[in-house]
């Protein structure tokens, strides 16, 4: 398991991503890469102070892909050997974690 720091996330979100970082990340299993809410906050805070324009929009799009809420929740659950209790089972189906929908449990 690896936790990607903010500078790594920035390097892969760039219009010209770092080749070294991209190659290293591509060589890792997807389910071994994680980040933290602190890194998410740093990225989002940086985006918030950027001037409006194409560059900011492109970076915000990249950030949305990295910080998809369901993926962040699944990453925390997986890293801690936990399951997720949710009504949105479809958002987690391919994450390799136990899922419980309490609305369906009684059916």
PDB file of N, CA and C in Angstrom:
ATOM      1  N   UNK A   1       0.846  -1.178   0.000  1.00  0.00           N
ATOM      2  CA  UNK A   1       0.000   0.000   0.000  1.00  0.00           C
ATOM      3  C   UNK A   1       0.889   1.237   0.000  1.00  0.00           C
ATOM      4  N   UNK A   2       0.503   2.218  -0.817  1.00  0.00           N
ATOM      5  CA  UNK A   2       1.219   3.482  -0.890  1.00  0.00           C
ATOM      6  C   UNK A   2       0.233   4.635  -0.758  1.00  0.00           C
ATOM      7  N   UNK A   3       0.581   5.630   0.046  1.00  0.00           N
ATOM      8  CA  UNK A   3      -0.208   6.849   0.155  1.00  0.00           C
ATOM      9  C   UNK A   3       0.502   7.915  -0.680  1.00  0.00           C
ATOM     10  N   UNK A   4      -0.207   8.434  -1.675  1.00  0.00           N
ATOM     11  CA  UNK A   4       0.360   9.434  -2.580  1.00  0.00           C
ATOM     12  C   UNK A   4       0.253  10.819  -1.956  1.00  0.00           C
ATOM     13  N   UNK A   5       1.386  11.501  -1.826  1.00  0.00           N
ATOM     14  CA  UNK A   5       1.434  12.835  -1.249  1.00  0.00           C
ATOM     15  C   UNK A   5       0.938  13.863  -2.268  1.00  0.00           C
ATOM     16  N   UNK A   6       0.679  15.057  -1.797  1.00  0.00           N
ATOM     17  CA  UNK A   6       0.137  16.124  -2.634  1.00  0.00           C
ATOM     18  C   UNK A   6       1.023  16.415  -3.842  1.00  0.00           C
ATOM     19  N   UNK A   7       2.346  16.412  -3.660  1.00  0.00           N
ATOM     20  CA  UNK A   7       3.221  16.728  -4.781  1.00  0.00           C
ATOM     21  C   UNK A   7       3.160  15.657  -5.874  1.00  0.00           C
ATOM     22  N   UNK A   8       2.871  14.434  -5.509  1.00  0.00           N
ATOM     23  CA  UNK A   8       2.706  13.360  -6.495  1.00  0.00           C
ATOM     24  C   UNK A   8       1.391  13.565  -7.246  1.00  0.00           C
ATOM     25  N   UNK A   9       0.331  13.875  -6.524  1.00  0.00           N
ATOM     26  CA  UNK A   9      -0.953  14.139  -7.169  1.00  0.00           C
ATOM     27  C   UNK A   9      -0.840  15.314  -8.136  1.00  0.00           C
ATOM     28  N   UNK A  10      -0.155  16.364  -7.717  1.00  0.00           N
ATOM     29  CA  UNK A  10       0.045  17.520  -8.593  1.00  0.00           C
ATOM     30  C   UNK A  10       0.824  17.127  -9.845  1.00  0.00           C
ATOM     31  N   UNK A  11       1.815  16.279  -9.680  1.00  0.00           N
ATOM     32  CA  UNK A  11       2.648  15.864 -10.815  1.00  0.00           C
ATOM     33  C   UNK A  11       1.847  15.086 -11.852  1.00  0.00           C
ATOM     34  N   UNK A  12       0.852  14.315 -11.416  1.00  0.00           N
ATOM     35  CA  UNK A  12       0.070  13.542 -12.389  1.00  0.00           C
ATOM     36  C   UNK A  12      -1.129  14.319 -12.922  1.00  0.00           C
ATOM     37  N   UNK A  13      -1.514  15.395 -12.248  1.00  0.00           N
ATOM     38  CA  UNK A  13      -2.628  16.224 -12.712  1.00  0.00           C
ATOM     39  C   UNK A  13      -2.173  17.278 -13.717  1.00  0.00           C
ATOM     40  N   UNK A  14      -0.911  17.507 -13.794  1.00  0.00           N
ATOM     41  CA  UNK A  14      -0.356  18.551 -14.645  1.00  0.00           C
ATOM     42  C   UNK A  14      -0.699  18.334 -16.116  1.00  0.00           C
ATOM     43  N   UNK A  15      -0.737  19.428 -16.877  1.00  0.00           N
ATOM     44  CA  UNK A  15      -0.952  19.320 -18.323  1.00  0.00           C
ATOM     45  C   UNK A  15       0.162  18.502 -18.967  1.00  0.00           C
ATOM     46  N   UNK A  16       1.339  18.564 -18.374  1.00  0.00           N
ATOM     47  CA  UNK A  16       2.476  17.741 -18.807  1.00  0.00           C
ATOM     48  C   UNK A  16       2.940  16.925 -17.612  1.00  0.00           C
ATOM     49  N   UNK A  17       2.270  15.789 -17.353  1.00  0.00           N
ATOM     50  CA  UNK A  17       2.610  14.978 -16.172  1.00  0.00           C
ATOM     51  C   UNK A  17       4.075  14.541 -16.193  1.00  0.00           C
ATOM     52  N   UNK A  18       4.630  14.422 -15.019  1.00  0.00           N
ATOM     53  CA  UNK A  18       5.998  13.927 -14.872  1.00  0.00           C
ATOM     54  C   UNK A  18       6.073  12.494 -15.390  1.00  0.00           C
ATOM     55  N   UNK A  19       6.955  12.252 -16.347  1.00  0.00           N
ATOM     56  CA  UNK A  19       7.099  10.918 -16.925  1.00  0.00           C
ATOM     57  C   UNK A  19       7.512   9.901 -15.861  1.00  0.00           C
ATOM     58  N   UNK A  20       8.452  10.290 -15.006  1.00  0.00           N
ATOM     59  CA  UNK A  20       8.927   9.363 -13.972  1.00  0.00           C
ATOM     60  C   UNK A  20       7.796   8.946 -13.030  1.00  0.00           C
ATOM     61  N   UNK A  21       7.013   9.930 -12.621  1.00  0.00           N
ATOM     62  CA  UNK A  21       5.904   9.648 -11.708  1.00  0.00           C
ATOM     63  C   UNK A  21       4.836   8.810 -12.412  1.00  0.00           C
ATOM     64  N   UNK A  22       4.497   9.165 -13.642  1.00  0.00           N
ATOM     65  CA  UNK A  22       3.479   8.421 -14.399  1.00  0.00           C
ATOM     66  C   UNK A  22       3.900   6.973 -14.604  1.00  0.00           C
ATOM     67  N   UNK A  23       5.163   6.739 -14.928  1.00  0.00           N
ATOM     68  CA  UNK A  23       5.663   5.372 -15.129  1.00  0.00           C
ATOM     69  C   UNK A  23       5.601   4.594 -13.820  1.00  0.00           C
ATOM     70  N   UNK A  24       6.014   5.231 -12.718  1.00  0.00           N
ATOM     71  CA  UNK A  24       5.983   4.543 -11.423  1.00  0.00           C
ATOM     72  C   UNK A  24       4.549   4.167 -11.048  1.00  0.00           C
ATOM     73  N   UNK A  25       3.626   5.122 -11.192  1.00  0.00           N
ATOM     74  CA  UNK A  25       2.226   4.857 -10.839  1.00  0.00           C
ATOM     75  C   UNK A  25       1.642   3.762 -11.722  1.00  0.00           C
ATOM     76  N   UNK A  26       1.934   3.807 -13.009  1.00  0.00           N
ATOM     77  CA  UNK A  26       1.417   2.792 -13.929  1.00  0.00           C
ATOM     78  C   UNK A  26       1.917   1.397 -13.561  1.00  0.00           C
ATOM     79  N   UNK A  27       3.054   1.318 -12.898  1.00  0.00           N
ATOM     80  CA  UNK A  27       3.610   0.028 -12.500  1.00  0.00           C
ATOM     81  C   UNK A  27       3.076  -0.513 -11.191  1.00  0.00           C
ATOM     82  N   UNK A  28       2.176   0.220 -10.557  1.00  0.00           N
ATOM     83  CA  UNK A  28       1.612  -0.206  -9.267  1.00  0.00           C
ATOM     84  C   UNK A  28       0.193  -0.731  -9.451  1.00  0.00           C
ATOM     85  N   UNK A  29      -0.187  -1.726  -8.646  1.00  0.00           N
ATOM     86  CA  UNK A  29      -1.597  -2.147  -8.691  1.00  0.00           C
ATOM     87  C   UNK A  29      -2.490  -1.007  -8.210  1.00  0.00           C
ATOM     88  N   UNK A  30      -3.585  -0.773  -8.928  1.00  0.00           N
ATOM     89  CA  UNK A  30      -4.487   0.326  -8.584  1.00  0.00           C
ATOM     90  C   UNK A  30      -4.973   0.258  -7.144  1.00  0.00           C
ATOM     91  N   UNK A  31      -5.211  -0.955  -6.654  1.00  0.00           N
ATOM     92  CA  UNK A  31      -5.744  -1.091  -5.302  1.00  0.00           C
ATOM     93  C   UNK A  31      -4.678  -0.908  -4.219  1.00  0.00           C
ATOM     94  N   UNK A  32      -3.456  -0.574  -4.618  1.00  0.00           N
ATOM     95  CA  UNK A  32      -2.389  -0.317  -3.653  1.00  0.00           C
ATOM     96  C   UNK A  32      -2.107   1.176  -3.503  1.00  0.00           C
ATOM     97  N   UNK A  33      -2.808   2.024  -4.277  1.00  0.00           N
ATOM     98  CA  UNK A  33      -2.560   3.462  -4.261  1.00  0.00           C
ATOM     99  C   UNK A  33      -3.690   4.206  -3.549  1.00  0.00           C
ATOM    100  N   UNK A  34      -3.312   5.016  -2.590  1.00  0.00           N
ATOM    101  CA  UNK A  34      -4.276   5.762  -1.794  1.00  0.00           C
ATOM    102  C   UNK A  34      -3.805   7.196  -1.650  1.00  0.00           C
ATOM    103  N   UNK A  35      -4.675   8.057  -1.175  1.00  0.00           N
ATOM    104  CA  UNK A  35      -4.287   9.406  -0.785  1.00  0.00           C
ATOM    105  C   UNK A  35      -5.056   9.743   0.487  1.00  0.00           C
ATOM    106  N   UNK A  36      -4.895  10.942   0.968  1.00  0.00           N
ATOM    107  CA  UNK A  36      -5.545  11.327   2.221  1.00  0.00           C
ATOM    108  C   UNK A  36      -6.450  12.532   2.007  1.00  0.00           C
ATOM    109  N   UNK A  37      -7.313  12.757   2.956  1.00  0.00           N
ATOM    110  CA  UNK A  37      -8.177  13.941   2.878  1.00  0.00           C
ATOM    111  C   UNK A  37      -7.358  15.214   3.025  1.00  0.00           C
ATOM    112  N   UNK A  38      -6.215  15.130   3.695  1.00  0.00           N
ATOM    113  CA  UNK A  38      -5.346  16.304   3.814  1.00  0.00           C
ATOM    114  C   UNK A  38      -4.811  16.686   2.439  1.00  0.00           C
ATOM    115  N   UNK A  39      -4.367  15.690   1.676  1.00  0.00           N
ATOM    116  CA  UNK A  39      -3.889  15.963   0.312  1.00  0.00           C
ATOM    117  C   UNK A  39      -5.025  16.501  -0.549  1.00  0.00           C
ATOM    118  N   UNK A  40      -6.199  15.938  -0.380  1.00  0.00           N
ATOM    119  CA  UNK A  40      -7.360  16.418  -1.130  1.00  0.00           C
ATOM    120  C   UNK A  40      -7.619  17.886  -0.805  1.00  0.00           C
ATOM    121  N   UNK A  41      -7.576  18.226   0.472  1.00  0.00           N
ATOM    122  CA  UNK A  41      -7.815  19.619   0.874  1.00  0.00           C
ATOM    123  C   UNK A  41      -6.747  20.550   0.303  1.00  0.00           C
ATOM    124  N   UNK A  42      -5.501  20.108   0.292  1.00  0.00           N
ATOM    125  CA  UNK A  42      -4.429  20.950  -0.260  1.00  0.00           C
ATOM    126  C   UNK A  42      -4.642  21.205  -1.750  1.00  0.00           C
ATOM    127  N   UNK A  43      -4.996  20.160  -2.494  1.00  0.00           N
ATOM    128  CA  UNK A  43      -5.240  20.308  -3.934  1.00  0.00           C
ATOM    129  C   UNK A  43      -6.432  21.235  -4.175  1.00  0.00           C
ATOM    130  N   UNK A  44      -7.536  20.988  -3.471  1.00  0.00           N
ATOM    131  CA  UNK A  44      -8.741  21.786  -3.681  1.00  0.00           C
ATOM    132  C   UNK A  44      -8.538  23.242  -3.263  1.00  0.00           C
ATOM    133  N   UNK A  45      -7.769  23.468  -2.203  1.00  0.00           N
ATOM    134  CA  UNK A  45      -7.477  24.844  -1.778  1.00  0.00           C
ATOM    135  C   UNK A  45      -6.636  25.554  -2.834  1.00  0.00           C
ATOM    136  N   UNK A  46      -5.679  24.852  -3.401  1.00  0.00           N
ATOM    137  CA  UNK A  46      -4.862  25.441  -4.462  1.00  0.00           C
ATOM    138  C   UNK A  46      -5.692  25.795  -5.679  1.00  0.00           C
ATOM    139  N   UNK A  47      -6.624  24.917  -6.030  1.00  0.00           N
ATOM    140  CA  UNK A  47      -7.503  25.187  -7.174  1.00  0.00           C
ATOM    141  C   UNK A  47      -8.411  26.386  -6.912  1.00  0.00           C
ATOM    142  N   UNK A  48      -8.868  26.516  -5.680  1.00  0.00           N
ATOM    143  CA  UNK A  48      -9.790  27.602  -5.339  1.00  0.00           C
ATOM    144  C   UNK A  48      -9.166  28.983  -5.506  1.00  0.00           C
ATOM    145  N   UNK A  49      -7.856  29.094  -5.365  1.00  0.00           N
ATOM    146  CA  UNK A  49      -7.219  30.403  -5.482  1.00  0.00           C
ATOM    147  C   UNK A  49      -6.645  30.657  -6.879  1.00  0.00           C
ATOM    148  N   UNK A  50      -6.759  29.669  -7.756  1.00  0.00           N
ATOM    149  CA  UNK A  50      -6.285  29.860  -9.135  1.00  0.00           C
ATOM    150  C   UNK A  50      -7.226  30.779  -9.890  1.00  0.00           C
ATOM    151  N   UNK A  51      -6.697  31.542 -10.836  1.00  0.00           N
ATOM    152  CA  UNK A  51      -7.569  32.360 -11.676  1.00  0.00           C
ATOM    153  C   UNK A  51      -8.465  31.473 -12.544  1.00  0.00           C
ATOM    154  N   UNK A  52      -9.673  31.970 -12.831  1.00  0.00           N
ATOM    155  CA  UNK A  52     -10.588  31.249 -13.716  1.00  0.00           C
ATOM    156  C   UNK A  52      -9.918  31.071 -15.077  1.00  0.00           C
ATOM    157  N   UNK A  53     -10.220  29.955 -15.716  1.00  0.00           N
ATOM    158  CA  UNK A  53      -9.667  29.743 -17.051  1.00  0.00           C
ATOM    159  C   UNK A  53      -9.559  28.269 -17.385  1.00  0.00           C
ATOM    160  N   UNK A  54      -9.035  27.995 -18.569  1.00  0.00           N
ATOM    161  CA  UNK A  54      -8.945  26.611 -19.060  1.00  0.00           C
ATOM    162  C   UNK A  54      -8.057  25.745 -18.184  1.00  0.00           C
ATOM    163  N   UNK A  55      -6.949  26.308 -17.718  1.00  0.00           N
ATOM    164  CA  UNK A  55      -6.031  25.519 -16.893  1.00  0.00           C
ATOM    165  C   UNK A  55      -6.709  25.075 -15.595  1.00  0.00           C
ATOM    166  N   UNK A  56      -7.409  26.000 -14.954  1.00  0.00           N
ATOM    167  CA  UNK A  56      -8.106  25.658 -13.710  1.00  0.00           C
ATOM    168  C   UNK A  56      -9.185  24.609 -13.967  1.00  0.00           C
ATOM    169  N   UNK A  57      -9.948  24.768 -15.038  1.00  0.00           N
ATOM    170  CA  UNK A  57     -11.007  23.798 -15.366  1.00  0.00           C
ATOM    171  C   UNK A  57     -10.405  22.417 -15.603  1.00  0.00           C
ATOM    172  N   UNK A  58      -9.294  22.366 -16.325  1.00  0.00           N
ATOM    173  CA  UNK A  58      -8.648  21.081 -16.600  1.00  0.00           C
ATOM    174  C   UNK A  58      -8.164  20.422 -15.306  1.00  0.00           C
ATOM    175  N   UNK A  59      -7.583  21.223 -14.421  1.00  0.00           N
ATOM    176  CA  UNK A  59      -7.100  20.675 -13.148  1.00  0.00           C
ATOM    177  C   UNK A  59      -8.259  20.254 -12.239  1.00  0.00           C
ATOM    178  N   UNK A  60      -9.350  21.006 -12.261  1.00  0.00           N
ATOM    179  CA  UNK A  60     -10.526  20.623 -11.465  1.00  0.00           C
ATOM    180  C   UNK A  60     -11.108  19.303 -11.971  1.00  0.00           C
ATOM    181  N   UNK A  61     -11.098  19.109 -13.274  1.00  0.00           N
ATOM    182  CA  UNK A  61     -11.580  17.844 -13.848  1.00  0.00           C
ATOM    183  C   UNK A  61     -10.691  16.688 -13.397  1.00  0.00           C
ATOM    184  N   UNK A  62      -9.386  16.895 -13.423  1.00  0.00           N
ATOM    185  CA  UNK A  62      -8.453  15.856 -12.969  1.00  0.00           C
ATOM    186  C   UNK A  62      -8.657  15.561 -11.486  1.00  0.00           C
ATOM    187  N   UNK A  63      -8.862  16.605 -10.696  1.00  0.00           N
ATOM    188  CA  UNK A  63      -9.081  16.420  -9.257  1.00  0.00           C
ATOM    189  C   UNK A  63     -10.360  15.635  -8.989  1.00  0.00           C
ATOM    190  N   UNK A  64     -11.413  15.927  -9.742  1.00  0.00           N
ATOM    191  CA  UNK A  64     -12.670  15.188  -9.561  1.00  0.00           C
ATOM    192  C   UNK A  64     -12.471  13.709  -9.827  1.00  0.00           C
ATOM    193  N   UNK A  65     -11.667  13.380 -10.814  1.00  0.00           N
ATOM    194  CA  UNK A  65     -11.409  11.973 -11.124  1.00  0.00           C
ATOM    195  C   UNK A  65     -10.619  11.301 -10.002  1.00  0.00           C
ATOM    196  N   UNK A  66      -9.661  12.013  -9.445  1.00  0.00           N
ATOM    197  CA  UNK A  66      -8.840  11.440  -8.371  1.00  0.00           C
ATOM    198  C   UNK A  66      -9.628  11.321  -7.071  1.00  0.00           C
ATOM    199  N   UNK A  67     -10.433  12.324  -6.780  1.00  0.00           N
ATOM    200  CA  UNK A  67     -11.109  12.379  -5.488  1.00  0.00           C
ATOM    201  C   UNK A  67     -12.575  11.989  -5.539  1.00  0.00           C
ATOM    202  N   UNK A  68     -12.940  11.111  -6.436  1.00  0.00           N
ATOM    203  CA  UNK A  68     -14.327  10.642  -6.468  1.00  0.00           C
ATOM    204  C   UNK A  68     -14.686  10.127  -5.075  1.00  0.00           C
ATOM    205  N   UNK A  69     -15.756  10.662  -4.501  1.00  0.00           N
ATOM    206  CA  UNK A  69     -16.099  10.354  -3.106  1.00  0.00           C
ATOM    207  C   UNK A  69     -16.223   8.863  -2.836  1.00  0.00           C
ATOM    208  N   UNK A  70     -16.889   8.133  -3.721  1.00  0.00           N
ATOM    209  CA  UNK A  70     -17.054   6.700  -3.492  1.00  0.00           C
ATOM    210  C   UNK A  70     -15.703   5.996  -3.450  1.00  0.00           C
ATOM    211  N   UNK A  71     -14.781   6.423  -4.303  1.00  0.00           N
ATOM    212  CA  UNK A  71     -13.457   5.805  -4.314  1.00  0.00           C
ATOM    213  C   UNK A  71     -12.685   6.114  -3.043  1.00  0.00           C
ATOM    214  N   UNK A  72     -12.821   7.321  -2.533  1.00  0.00           N
ATOM    215  CA  UNK A  72     -12.139   7.680  -1.284  1.00  0.00           C
ATOM    216  C   UNK A  72     -12.702   6.867  -0.122  1.00  0.00           C
ATOM    217  N   UNK A  73     -14.016   6.729  -0.070  1.00  0.00           N
ATOM    218  CA  UNK A  73     -14.641   5.934   0.985  1.00  0.00           C
ATOM    219  C   UNK A  73     -14.187   4.486   0.878  1.00  0.00           C
ATOM    220  N   UNK A  74     -14.200   3.945  -0.338  1.00  0.00           N
ATOM    221  CA  UNK A  74     -13.777   2.561  -0.550  1.00  0.00           C
ATOM    222  C   UNK A  74     -12.312   2.371  -0.174  1.00  0.00           C
ATOM    223  N   UNK A  75     -11.463   3.335  -0.481  1.00  0.00           N
ATOM    224  CA  UNK A  75     -10.047   3.224  -0.154  1.00  0.00           C
ATOM    225  C   UNK A  75      -9.831   3.159   1.352  1.00  0.00           C
ATOM    226  N   UNK A  76     -10.538   4.002   2.095  1.00  0.00           N
ATOM    227  CA  UNK A  76     -10.418   3.987   3.555  1.00  0.00           C
ATOM    228  C   UNK A  76     -10.907   2.646   4.098  1.00  0.00           C
ATOM    229  N   UNK A  77     -12.041   2.177   3.598  1.00  0.00           N
ATOM    230  CA  UNK A  77     -12.579   0.895   4.059  1.00  0.00           C
ATOM    231  C   UNK A  77     -11.600  -0.238   3.750  1.00  0.00           C
ATOM    232  N   UNK A  78     -11.107  -0.284   2.529  1.00  0.00           N
ATOM    233  CA  UNK A  78     -10.202  -1.358   2.121  1.00  0.00           C
ATOM    234  C   UNK A  78      -8.903  -1.332   2.928  1.00  0.00           C
ATOM    235  N   UNK A  79      -8.355  -0.156   3.134  1.00  0.00           N
ATOM    236  CA  UNK A  79      -7.107  -0.034   3.882  1.00  0.00           C
ATOM    237  C   UNK A  79      -7.252  -0.504   5.318  1.00  0.00           C
ATOM    238  N   UNK A  80      -8.464  -0.410   5.842  1.00  0.00           N
ATOM    239  CA  UNK A  80      -8.705  -0.797   7.230  1.00  0.00           C
ATOM    240  C   UNK A  80      -9.410  -2.138   7.376  1.00  0.00           C
ATOM    241  N   UNK A  81      -9.552  -2.864   6.277  1.00  0.00           N
ATOM    242  CA  UNK A  81     -10.203  -4.169   6.334  1.00  0.00           C
ATOM    243  C   UNK A  81     -11.670  -4.073   6.700  1.00  0.00           C
ATOM    244  N   UNK A  82     -12.321  -2.986   6.297  1.00  0.00           N
ATOM    245  CA  UNK A  82     -13.718  -2.759   6.655  1.00  0.00           C
ATOM    246  C   UNK A  82     -14.619  -2.885   5.437  1.00  0.00           C
ATOM    247  N   UNK A  83     -15.895  -2.984   5.703  1.00  0.00           N
ATOM    248  CA  UNK A  83     -16.899  -2.939   4.658  1.00  0.00           C
ATOM    249  C   UNK A  83     -17.545  -1.566   4.649  1.00  0.00           C
ATOM    250  N   UNK A  84     -18.448  -1.366   3.694  1.00  0.00           N
ATOM    251  CA  UNK A  84     -19.182  -0.107   3.600  1.00  0.00           C
ATOM    252  C   UNK A  84     -20.674  -0.406   3.687  1.00  0.00           C
ATOM    253  N   UNK A  85     -21.354   0.341   4.527  1.00  0.00           N
ATOM    254  CA  UNK A  85     -22.800   0.253   4.641  1.00  0.00           C
ATOM    255  C   UNK A  85     -23.356   1.455   3.889  1.00  0.00           C
ATOM    256  N   UNK A  86     -24.142   1.179   2.838  1.00  0.00           N
ATOM    257  CA  UNK A  86     -24.617   2.237   1.960  1.00  0.00           C
ATOM    258  C   UNK A  86     -25.857   1.789   1.207  1.00  0.00           C
ATOM    259  N   UNK A  87     -26.606   2.749   0.745  1.00  0.00           N
ATOM    260  CA  UNK A  87     -27.714   2.454  -0.146  1.00  0.00           C
ATOM    261  C   UNK A  87     -27.226   2.436  -1.600  1.00  0.00           C
ATOM    262  N   UNK A  88     -26.064   3.055  -1.848  1.00  0.00           N
ATOM    263  CA  UNK A  88     -25.478   3.180  -3.180  1.00  0.00           C
ATOM    264  C   UNK A  88     -24.516   2.023  -3.460  1.00  0.00           C
ATOM    265  N   UNK A  89     -25.006   0.817  -3.469  1.00  0.00           N
ATOM    266  CA  UNK A  89     -24.173  -0.369  -3.711  1.00  0.00           C
ATOM    267  C   UNK A  89     -23.453  -0.264  -5.055  1.00  0.00           C
ATOM    268  N   UNK A  90     -24.130   0.249  -6.084  1.00  0.00           N
ATOM    269  CA  UNK A  90     -23.542   0.348  -7.416  1.00  0.00           C
ATOM    270  C   UNK A  90     -22.277   1.179  -7.463  1.00  0.00           C
ATOM    271  N   UNK A  91     -22.153   2.153  -6.576  1.00  0.00           N
ATOM    272  CA  UNK A  91     -20.966   2.995  -6.556  1.00  0.00           C
ATOM    273  C   UNK A  91     -19.738   2.306  -6.009  1.00  0.00           C
ATOM    274  N   UNK A  92     -19.922   1.110  -5.426  1.00  0.00           N
ATOM    275  CA  UNK A  92     -18.819   0.409  -4.772  1.00  0.00           C
ATOM    276  C   UNK A  92     -18.607  -1.017  -5.276  1.00  0.00           C
ATOM    277  N   UNK A  93     -19.398  -1.470  -6.237  1.00  0.00           N
ATOM    278  CA  UNK A  93     -19.399  -2.884  -6.615  1.00  0.00           C
ATOM    279  C   UNK A  93     -18.049  -3.466  -6.998  1.00  0.00           C
ATOM    280  N   UNK A  94     -17.209  -2.731  -7.667  1.00  0.00           N
ATOM    281  CA  UNK A  94     -15.943  -3.283  -8.135  1.00  0.00           C
ATOM    282  C   UNK A  94     -14.758  -2.889  -7.265  1.00  0.00           C
ATOM    283  N   UNK A  95     -15.016  -2.527  -6.018  1.00  0.00           N
ATOM    284  CA  UNK A  95     -13.941  -2.044  -5.143  1.00  0.00           C
ATOM    285  C   UNK A  95     -13.324  -3.142  -4.272  1.00  0.00           C
ATOM    286  N   UNK A  96     -13.868  -4.332  -4.317  1.00  0.00           N
ATOM    287  CA  UNK A  96     -13.296  -5.440  -3.555  1.00  0.00           C
ATOM    288  C   UNK A  96     -13.473  -5.328  -2.052  1.00  0.00           C
ATOM    289  N   UNK A  97     -14.581  -4.744  -1.624  1.00  0.00           N
ATOM    290  CA  UNK A  97     -14.864  -4.615  -0.194  1.00  0.00           C
ATOM    291  C   UNK A  97     -16.261  -5.164   0.088  1.00  0.00           C
ATOM    292  N   UNK A  98     -16.494  -5.646   1.313  1.00  0.00           N
ATOM    293  CA  UNK A  98     -17.843  -6.093   1.668  1.00  0.00           C
ATOM    294  C   UNK A  98     -18.813  -4.908   1.672  1.00  0.00           C
ATOM    295  N   UNK A  99     -20.011  -5.146   1.126  1.00  0.00           N
ATOM    296  CA  UNK A  99     -21.031  -4.098   1.042  1.00  0.00           C
ATOM    297  C   UNK A  99     -22.313  -4.550   1.719  1.00  0.00           C
ATOM    298  N   UNK A 100     -22.960  -3.630   2.409  1.00  0.00           N
ATOM    299  CA  UNK A 100     -24.238  -3.900   3.059  1.00  0.00           C
ATOM    300  C   UNK A 100     -25.192  -2.764   2.731  1.00  0.00           C
ATOM    301  N   UNK A 101     -26.360  -3.113   2.232  1.00  0.00           N
ATOM    302  CA  UNK A 101     -27.436  -2.146   2.019  1.00  0.00           C
ATOM    303  C   UNK A 101     -28.518  -2.479   3.031  1.00  0.00           C
ATOM    304  N   UNK A 102     -28.610  -1.721   4.132  1.00  0.00           N
ATOM    305  CA  UNK A 102     -29.592  -2.056   5.163  1.00  0.00           C
ATOM    306  C   UNK A 102     -31.030  -1.986   4.679  1.00  0.00           C
ATOM    307  N   UNK A 103     -31.303  -1.238   3.611  1.00  0.00           N
ATOM    308  CA  UNK A 103     -32.648  -1.186   3.067  1.00  0.00           C
ATOM    309  C   UNK A 103     -33.025  -2.510   2.413  1.00  0.00           C
ATOM    310  N   UNK A 104     -32.007  -3.227   1.909  1.00  0.00           N
ATOM    311  CA  UNK A 104     -32.254  -4.514   1.265  1.00  0.00           C
ATOM    312  C   UNK A 104     -32.128  -5.685   2.222  1.00  0.00           C
ATOM    313  N   UNK A 105     -31.503  -5.489   3.370  1.00  0.00           N
ATOM    314  CA  UNK A 105     -31.247  -6.571   4.319  1.00  0.00           C
ATOM    315  C   UNK A 105     -32.533  -7.214   4.812  1.00  0.00           C
ATOM    316  N   UNK A 106     -33.616  -6.457   4.890  1.00  0.00           N
ATOM    317  CA  UNK A 106     -34.885  -6.985   5.401  1.00  0.00           C
ATOM    318  C   UNK A 106     -35.760  -7.570   4.313  1.00  0.00           C
ATOM    319  N   UNK A 107     -35.366  -7.399   3.067  1.00  0.00           N
ATOM    320  CA  UNK A 107     -36.191  -7.887   1.952  1.00  0.00           C
ATOM    321  C   UNK A 107     -36.110  -9.387   1.823  1.00  0.00           C
TER     322      UNK A 107
END
